[in-house]
Amino acid sequence: MGAERPIPERLGDQHEQAQHLRRTGNGPTVDGEEQLLAEAYGTPDMAGFYTGPELVDQAAAEESDDQAADDTADGGETA
């Protein structure tokens, strides 16, 4: 095996970590990016994520399947 990779020391607490943060100036990559995302994926959720209706529907279906599996494992009826 090769040489061990150096691991930097961890910074102490949150305040010390905050001292190492810096703004990069990253922003939207194109003009009207928010409008383009909204047109493609619908309005963003409360966290600002553009998920689109199909991803929301898929996540809801998976959650429903998980709940049904939990109910069956607890001795409930199967679907």
PDB file of N, CA and C in Angstrom:
ATOM      1  N   MET A   1       0.833  -1.168   0.000  1.00  0.00           N
ATOM      2  CA  MET A   1       0.000   0.000   0.000  1.00  0.00           C
ATOM      3  C   MET A   1       0.884   1.240   0.000  1.00  0.00           C
ATOM      4  N   GLY A   2       0.375   2.350  -0.532  1.00  0.00           N
ATOM      5  CA  GLY A   2       1.142   3.587  -0.623  1.00  0.00           C
ATOM      6  C   GLY A   2       1.252   4.300   0.713  1.00  0.00           C
ATOM      7  N   ALA A   3       1.801   5.459   0.658  1.00  0.00           N
ATOM      8  CA  ALA A   3       1.957   6.265   1.869  1.00  0.00           C
ATOM      9  C   ALA A   3       0.591   6.670   2.405  1.00  0.00           C
ATOM     10  N   GLU A   4       0.520   6.808   3.715  1.00  0.00           N
ATOM     11  CA  GLU A   4      -0.742   7.212   4.318  1.00  0.00           C
ATOM     12  C   GLU A   4      -1.058   8.652   3.964  1.00  0.00           C
ATOM     13  N   ARG A   5      -2.311   8.895   3.753  1.00  0.00           N
ATOM     14  CA  ARG A   5      -2.764  10.232   3.419  1.00  0.00           C
ATOM     15  C   ARG A   5      -2.777  11.090   4.684  1.00  0.00           C
ATOM     16  N   PRO A   6      -2.217  12.289   4.623  1.00  0.00           N
ATOM     17  CA  PRO A   6      -2.239  13.134   5.814  1.00  0.00           C
ATOM     18  C   PRO A   6      -3.659  13.595   6.127  1.00  0.00           C
ATOM     19  N   ILE A   7      -3.993  13.599   7.366  1.00  0.00           N
ATOM     20  CA  ILE A   7      -5.314  14.035   7.803  1.00  0.00           C
ATOM     21  C   ILE A   7      -5.130  15.320   8.606  1.00  0.00           C
ATOM     22  N   PRO A   8      -5.737  16.412   8.153  1.00  0.00           N
ATOM     23  CA  PRO A   8      -5.570  17.673   8.885  1.00  0.00           C
ATOM     24  C   PRO A   8      -6.241  17.591  10.257  1.00  0.00           C
ATOM     25  N   GLU A   9      -5.713  18.357  11.169  1.00  0.00           N
ATOM     26  CA  GLU A   9      -6.313  18.389  12.505  1.00  0.00           C
ATOM     27  C   GLU A   9      -7.691  19.010  12.414  1.00  0.00           C
ATOM     28  N   ARG A  10      -8.584  18.522  13.235  1.00  0.00           N
ATOM     29  CA  ARG A  10      -9.930  19.091  13.272  1.00  0.00           C
ATOM     30  C   ARG A  10      -9.890  20.430  13.984  1.00  0.00           C
ATOM     31  N   LEU A  11     -10.720  21.314  13.492  1.00  0.00           N
ATOM     32  CA  LEU A  11     -10.834  22.609  14.142  1.00  0.00           C
ATOM     33  C   LEU A  11     -11.647  22.430  15.416  1.00  0.00           C
ATOM     34  N   GLY A  12     -11.368  23.235  16.409  1.00  0.00           N
ATOM     35  CA  GLY A  12     -11.991  23.107  17.720  1.00  0.00           C
ATOM     36  C   GLY A  12     -13.496  23.157  17.738  1.00  0.00           C
ATOM     37  N   ASP A  13     -14.033  24.337  17.831  1.00  0.00           N
ATOM     38  CA  ASP A  13     -15.476  24.460  17.983  1.00  0.00           C
ATOM     39  C   ASP A  13     -16.078  25.181  16.776  1.00  0.00           C
ATOM     40  N   GLN A  14     -17.364  25.419  16.871  1.00  0.00           N
ATOM     41  CA  GLN A  14     -18.086  26.038  15.768  1.00  0.00           C
ATOM     42  C   GLN A  14     -17.544  27.422  15.437  1.00  0.00           C
ATOM     43  N   HIS A  15     -17.176  28.172  16.457  1.00  0.00           N
ATOM     44  CA  HIS A  15     -16.672  29.522  16.223  1.00  0.00           C
ATOM     45  C   HIS A  15     -15.339  29.486  15.477  1.00  0.00           C
ATOM     46  N   GLU A  16     -14.482  28.548  15.830  1.00  0.00           N
ATOM     47  CA  GLU A  16     -13.208  28.422  15.131  1.00  0.00           C
ATOM     48  C   GLU A  16     -13.425  27.967  13.688  1.00  0.00           C
ATOM     49  N   GLN A  17     -14.377  27.063  13.494  1.00  0.00           N
ATOM     50  CA  GLN A  17     -14.685  26.607  12.143  1.00  0.00           C
ATOM     51  C   GLN A  17     -15.219  27.758  11.302  1.00  0.00           C
ATOM     52  N   ALA A  18     -16.049  28.607  11.895  1.00  0.00           N
ATOM     53  CA  ALA A  18     -16.640  29.734  11.177  1.00  0.00           C
ATOM     54  C   ALA A  18     -15.562  30.701  10.688  1.00  0.00           C
ATOM     55  N   GLN A  19     -14.463  30.788  11.406  1.00  0.00           N
ATOM     56  CA  GLN A  19     -13.378  31.680  11.008  1.00  0.00           C
ATOM     57  C   GLN A  19     -12.737  31.222   9.696  1.00  0.00           C
ATOM     58  N   HIS A  20     -12.872  29.958   9.360  1.00  0.00           N
ATOM     59  CA  HIS A  20     -12.257  29.413   8.155  1.00  0.00           C
ATOM     60  C   HIS A  20     -13.187  29.450   6.938  1.00  0.00           C
ATOM     61  N   LEU A  21     -14.446  29.785   7.150  1.00  0.00           N
ATOM     62  CA  LEU A  21     -15.391  29.882   6.044  1.00  0.00           C
ATOM     63  C   LEU A  21     -15.153  31.175   5.284  1.00  0.00           C
ATOM     64  N   ARG A  22     -15.357  31.121   3.997  1.00  0.00           N
ATOM     65  CA  ARG A  22     -15.232  32.335   3.196  1.00  0.00           C
ATOM     66  C   ARG A  22     -16.245  32.290   2.075  1.00  0.00           C
ATOM     67  N   ARG A  23     -16.695  33.441   1.696  1.00  0.00           N
ATOM     68  CA  ARG A  23     -17.658  33.541   0.594  1.00  0.00           C
ATOM     69  C   ARG A  23     -16.924  33.355  -0.728  1.00  0.00           C
ATOM     70  N   THR A  24     -17.538  32.588  -1.601  1.00  0.00           N
ATOM     71  CA  THR A  24     -16.913  32.339  -2.899  1.00  0.00           C
ATOM     72  C   THR A  24     -17.517  33.203  -3.995  1.00  0.00           C
ATOM     73  N   GLY A  25     -18.664  33.787  -3.719  1.00  0.00           N
ATOM     74  CA  GLY A  25     -19.308  34.597  -4.738  1.00  0.00           C
ATOM     75  C   GLY A  25     -20.101  33.772  -5.729  1.00  0.00           C
ATOM     76  N   ASN A  26     -20.254  32.477  -5.469  1.00  0.00           N
ATOM     77  CA  ASN A  26     -21.031  31.641  -6.374  1.00  0.00           C
ATOM     78  C   ASN A  26     -22.489  32.081  -6.337  1.00  0.00           C
ATOM     79  N   GLY A  27     -23.062  32.187  -7.464  1.00  0.00           N
ATOM     80  CA  GLY A  27     -24.457  32.565  -7.580  1.00  0.00           C
ATOM     81  C   GLY A  27     -25.071  31.795  -8.734  1.00  0.00           C
ATOM     82  N   PRO A  28     -26.200  32.254  -9.221  1.00  0.00           N
ATOM     83  CA  PRO A  28     -26.805  31.595 -10.373  1.00  0.00           C
ATOM     84  C   PRO A  28     -25.829  31.555 -11.547  1.00  0.00           C
ATOM     85  N   THR A  29     -25.858  30.470 -12.292  1.00  0.00           N
ATOM     86  CA  THR A  29     -24.911  30.309 -13.396  1.00  0.00           C
ATOM     87  C   THR A  29     -25.388  30.939 -14.693  1.00  0.00           C
ATOM     88  N   VAL A  30     -26.683  31.192 -14.800  1.00  0.00           N
ATOM     89  CA  VAL A  30     -27.233  31.853 -15.987  1.00  0.00           C
ATOM     90  C   VAL A  30     -28.240  32.897 -15.536  1.00  0.00           C
ATOM     91  N   ASP A  31     -28.483  33.889 -16.382  1.00  0.00           N
ATOM     92  CA  ASP A  31     -29.500  34.890 -16.067  1.00  0.00           C
ATOM     93  C   ASP A  31     -30.866  34.218 -16.050  1.00  0.00           C
ATOM     94  N   GLY A  32     -31.663  34.548 -15.064  1.00  0.00           N
ATOM     95  CA  GLY A  32     -33.005  33.986 -14.970  1.00  0.00           C
ATOM     96  C   GLY A  32     -33.016  32.518 -14.566  1.00  0.00           C
ATOM     97  N   GLU A  33     -31.976  32.072 -13.855  1.00  0.00           N
ATOM     98  CA  GLU A  33     -31.877  30.654 -13.495  1.00  0.00           C
ATOM     99  C   GLU A  33     -33.070  30.185 -12.664  1.00  0.00           C
ATOM    100  N   GLU A  34     -33.499  30.994 -11.711  1.00  0.00           N
ATOM    101  CA  GLU A  34     -34.629  30.597 -10.875  1.00  0.00           C
ATOM    102  C   GLU A  34     -35.891  30.406 -11.699  1.00  0.00           C
ATOM    103  N   GLN A  35     -36.108  31.289 -12.672  1.00  0.00           N
ATOM    104  CA  GLN A  35     -37.282  31.163 -13.541  1.00  0.00           C
ATOM    105  C   GLN A  35     -37.180  29.903 -14.407  1.00  0.00           C
ATOM    106  N   LEU A  36     -35.989  29.627 -14.940  1.00  0.00           N
ATOM    107  CA  LEU A  36     -35.799  28.425 -15.764  1.00  0.00           C
ATOM    108  C   LEU A  36     -36.037  27.159 -14.951  1.00  0.00           C
ATOM    109  N   LEU A  37     -35.529  27.137 -13.720  1.00  0.00           N
ATOM    110  CA  LEU A  37     -35.742  25.962 -12.868  1.00  0.00           C
ATOM    111  C   LEU A  37     -37.217  25.789 -12.544  1.00  0.00           C
ATOM    112  N   ALA A  38     -37.905  26.898 -12.243  1.00  0.00           N
ATOM    113  CA  ALA A  38     -39.331  26.824 -11.925  1.00  0.00           C
ATOM    114  C   ALA A  38     -40.133  26.322 -13.124  1.00  0.00           C
ATOM    115  N   GLU A  39     -39.760  26.758 -14.326  1.00  0.00           N
ATOM    116  CA  GLU A  39     -40.460  26.295 -15.530  1.00  0.00           C
ATOM    117  C   GLU A  39     -40.244  24.798 -15.749  1.00  0.00           C
ATOM    118  N   ALA A  40     -39.051  24.319 -15.449  1.00  0.00           N
ATOM    119  CA  ALA A  40     -38.738  22.913 -15.691  1.00  0.00           C
ATOM    120  C   ALA A  40     -39.241  22.001 -14.578  1.00  0.00           C
ATOM    121  N   TYR A  41     -39.185  22.482 -13.322  1.00  0.00           N
ATOM    122  CA  TYR A  41     -39.450  21.586 -12.187  1.00  0.00           C
ATOM    123  C   TYR A  41     -40.535  22.070 -11.250  1.00  0.00           C
ATOM    124  N   GLY A  42     -41.172  23.183 -11.547  1.00  0.00           N
ATOM    125  CA  GLY A  42     -42.193  23.709 -10.655  1.00  0.00           C
ATOM    126  C   GLY A  42     -41.563  24.572  -9.569  1.00  0.00           C
ATOM    127  N   THR A  43     -42.390  25.050  -8.673  1.00  0.00           N
ATOM    128  CA  THR A  43     -41.890  25.938  -7.628  1.00  0.00           C
ATOM    129  C   THR A  43     -41.022  25.163  -6.640  1.00  0.00           C
ATOM    130  N   PRO A  44     -40.037  25.836  -6.050  1.00  0.00           N
ATOM    131  CA  PRO A  44     -39.171  25.152  -5.090  1.00  0.00           C
ATOM    132  C   PRO A  44     -39.917  24.878  -3.785  1.00  0.00           C
ATOM    133  N   ASP A  45     -39.442  23.891  -3.047  1.00  0.00           N
ATOM    134  CA  ASP A  45     -40.036  23.618  -1.740  1.00  0.00           C
ATOM    135  C   ASP A  45     -39.533  24.648  -0.734  1.00  0.00           C
ATOM    136  N   MET A  46     -39.902  24.481   0.537  1.00  0.00           N
ATOM    137  CA  MET A  46     -39.539  25.470   1.552  1.00  0.00           C
ATOM    138  C   MET A  46     -38.031  25.581   1.739  1.00  0.00           C
ATOM    139  N   ALA A  47     -37.283  24.543   1.398  1.00  0.00           N
ATOM    140  CA  ALA A  47     -35.826  24.572   1.531  1.00  0.00           C
ATOM    141  C   ALA A  47     -35.160  25.142   0.279  1.00  0.00           C
ATOM    142  N   GLY A  48     -35.943  25.442  -0.763  1.00  0.00           N
ATOM    143  CA  GLY A  48     -35.391  26.013  -1.983  1.00  0.00           C
ATOM    144  C   GLY A  48     -34.984  24.977  -3.017  1.00  0.00           C
ATOM    145  N   PHE A  49     -35.414  23.720  -2.828  1.00  0.00           N
ATOM    146  CA  PHE A  49     -35.063  22.661  -3.780  1.00  0.00           C
ATOM    147  C   PHE A  49     -36.148  22.533  -4.836  1.00  0.00           C
ATOM    148  N   TYR A  50     -35.724  22.433  -6.086  1.00  0.00           N
ATOM    149  CA  TYR A  50     -36.647  22.212  -7.202  1.00  0.00           C
ATOM    150  C   TYR A  50     -36.699  20.709  -7.445  1.00  0.00           C
ATOM    151  N   THR A  51     -37.750  20.061  -6.989  1.00  0.00           N
ATOM    152  CA  THR A  51     -37.809  18.604  -7.093  1.00  0.00           C
ATOM    153  C   THR A  51     -38.656  18.120  -8.251  1.00  0.00           C
ATOM    154  N   GLY A  52     -39.599  18.911  -8.699  1.00  0.00           N
ATOM    155  CA  GLY A  52     -40.462  18.477  -9.783  1.00  0.00           C
ATOM    156  C   GLY A  52     -41.532  17.541  -9.277  1.00  0.00           C
ATOM    157  N   PRO A  53     -42.684  17.527  -9.914  1.00  0.00           N
ATOM    158  CA  PRO A  53     -43.806  16.716  -9.425  1.00  0.00           C
ATOM    159  C   PRO A  53     -43.534  15.212  -9.457  1.00  0.00           C
ATOM    160  N   GLU A  54     -42.792  14.730 -10.465  1.00  0.00           N
ATOM    161  CA  GLU A  54     -42.571  13.283 -10.542  1.00  0.00           C
ATOM    162  C   GLU A  54     -41.683  12.787  -9.405  1.00  0.00           C
ATOM    163  N   LEU A  55     -40.720  13.580  -8.972  1.00  0.00           N
ATOM    164  CA  LEU A  55     -39.883  13.172  -7.845  1.00  0.00           C
ATOM    165  C   LEU A  55     -40.666  13.202  -6.547  1.00  0.00           C
ATOM    166  N   VAL A  56     -41.541  14.196  -6.399  1.00  0.00           N
ATOM    167  CA  VAL A  56     -42.371  14.280  -5.209  1.00  0.00           C
ATOM    168  C   VAL A  56     -43.322  13.089  -5.174  1.00  0.00           C
ATOM    169  N   ASP A  57     -43.943  12.775  -6.319  1.00  0.00           N
ATOM    170  CA  ASP A  57     -44.849  11.633  -6.392  1.00  0.00           C
ATOM    171  C   ASP A  57     -44.120  10.332  -6.100  1.00  0.00           C
ATOM    172  N   GLN A  58     -42.907  10.194  -6.624  1.00  0.00           N
ATOM    173  CA  GLN A  58     -42.120   8.983  -6.395  1.00  0.00           C
ATOM    174  C   GLN A  58     -41.755   8.848  -4.921  1.00  0.00           C
ATOM    175  N   ALA A  59     -41.354   9.938  -4.296  1.00  0.00           N
ATOM    176  CA  ALA A  59     -40.994   9.903  -2.874  1.00  0.00           C
ATOM    177  C   ALA A  59     -42.215   9.559  -2.031  1.00  0.00           C
ATOM    178  N   ALA A  60     -43.379  10.093  -2.383  1.00  0.00           N
ATOM    179  CA  ALA A  60     -44.602   9.790  -1.646  1.00  0.00           C
ATOM    180  C   ALA A  60     -44.971   8.320  -1.799  1.00  0.00           C
ATOM    181  N   ALA A  61     -44.794   7.772  -3.006  1.00  0.00           N
ATOM    182  CA  ALA A  61     -45.102   6.360  -3.248  1.00  0.00           C
ATOM    183  C   ALA A  61     -44.155   5.466  -2.450  1.00  0.00           C
ATOM    184  N   GLU A  62     -42.875   5.825  -2.407  1.00  0.00           N
ATOM    185  CA  GLU A  62     -41.909   5.030  -1.642  1.00  0.00           C
ATOM    186  C   GLU A  62     -42.224   5.083  -0.157  1.00  0.00           C
ATOM    187  N   GLU A  63     -42.623   6.262   0.321  1.00  0.00           N
ATOM    188  CA  GLU A  63     -42.984   6.400   1.733  1.00  0.00           C
ATOM    189  C   GLU A  63     -44.215   5.562   2.045  1.00  0.00           C
ATOM    190  N   SER A  64     -45.181   5.544   1.123  1.00  0.00           N
ATOM    191  CA  SER A  64     -46.382   4.746   1.298  1.00  0.00           C
ATOM    192  C   SER A  64     -46.039   3.258   1.329  1.00  0.00           C
ATOM    193  N   ASP A  65     -45.131   2.826   0.438  1.00  0.00           N
ATOM    194  CA  ASP A  65     -44.699   1.427   0.414  1.00  0.00           C
ATOM    195  C   ASP A  65     -43.998   1.058   1.711  1.00  0.00           C
ATOM    196  N   ASP A  66     -43.151   1.960   2.222  1.00  0.00           N
ATOM    197  CA  ASP A  66     -42.444   1.708   3.479  1.00  0.00           C
ATOM    198  C   ASP A  66     -43.432   1.578   4.632  1.00  0.00           C
ATOM    199  N   GLN A  67     -44.454   2.449   4.644  1.00  0.00           N
ATOM    200  CA  GLN A  67     -45.463   2.399   5.705  1.00  0.00           C
ATOM    201  C   GLN A  67     -46.237   1.092   5.626  1.00  0.00           C
ATOM    202  N   ALA A  68     -46.586   0.645   4.412  1.00  0.00           N
ATOM    203  CA  ALA A  68     -47.318  -0.606   4.245  1.00  0.00           C
ATOM    204  C   ALA A  68     -46.466  -1.781   4.711  1.00  0.00           C
ATOM    205  N   ALA A  69     -45.175  -1.756   4.429  1.00  0.00           N
ATOM    206  CA  ALA A  69     -44.286  -2.820   4.869  1.00  0.00           C
ATOM    207  C   ALA A  69     -44.192  -2.846   6.384  1.00  0.00           C
ATOM    208  N   ASP A  70     -44.152  -1.648   7.019  1.00  0.00           N
ATOM    209  CA  ASP A  70     -44.106  -1.576   8.471  1.00  0.00           C
ATOM    210  C   ASP A  70     -45.390  -2.130   9.081  1.00  0.00           C
ATOM    211  N   ASP A  71     -46.542  -1.793   8.478  1.00  0.00           N
ATOM    212  CA  ASP A  71     -47.826  -2.279   8.983  1.00  0.00           C
ATOM    213  C   ASP A  71     -47.904  -3.792   8.886  1.00  0.00           C
ATOM    214  N   THR A  72     -47.412  -4.354   7.780  1.00  0.00           N
ATOM    215  CA  THR A  72     -47.431  -5.809   7.601  1.00  0.00           C
ATOM    216  C   THR A  72     -46.504  -6.478   8.611  1.00  0.00           C
ATOM    217  N   ALA A  73     -45.365  -5.885   8.852  1.00  0.00           N
ATOM    218  CA  ALA A  73     -44.415  -6.447   9.817  1.00  0.00           C
ATOM    219  C   ALA A  73     -44.986  -6.420  11.224  1.00  0.00           C
ATOM    220  N   ASP A  74     -45.876  -5.452  11.496  1.00  0.00           N
ATOM    221  CA  ASP A  74     -46.487  -5.341  12.828  1.00  0.00           C
ATOM    222  C   ASP A  74     -47.730  -6.229  12.951  1.00  0.00           C
ATOM    223  N   GLY A  75     -47.998  -7.049  11.967  1.00  0.00           N
ATOM    224  CA  GLY A  75     -49.139  -7.947  12.031  1.00  0.00           C
ATOM    225  C   GLY A  75     -50.397  -7.391  11.398  1.00  0.00           C
ATOM    226  N   GLY A  76     -50.283  -6.269  10.692  1.00  0.00           N
ATOM    227  CA  GLY A  76     -51.437  -5.686  10.020  1.00  0.00           C
ATOM    228  C   GLY A  76     -51.770  -6.447   8.752  1.00  0.00           C
ATOM    229  N   GLU A  77     -52.815  -6.009   8.107  1.00  0.00           N
ATOM    230  CA  GLU A  77     -53.232  -6.653   6.865  1.00  0.00           C
ATOM    231  C   GLU A  77     -52.321  -6.250   5.724  1.00  0.00           C
ATOM    232  N   THR A  78     -52.236  -7.118   4.728  1.00  0.00           N
ATOM    233  CA  THR A  78     -51.468  -6.785   3.528  1.00  0.00           C
ATOM    234  C   THR A  78     -52.373  -6.084   2.542  1.00  0.00           C
ATOM    235  N   ALA A  79     -51.793  -5.366   1.609  1.00  0.00           N
ATOM    236  CA  ALA A  79     -52.579  -4.601   0.635  1.00  0.00           C
ATOM    237  C   ALA A  79     -53.155  -5.489  -0.414  1.00  0.00           C
TER     238      ALA A  79
END
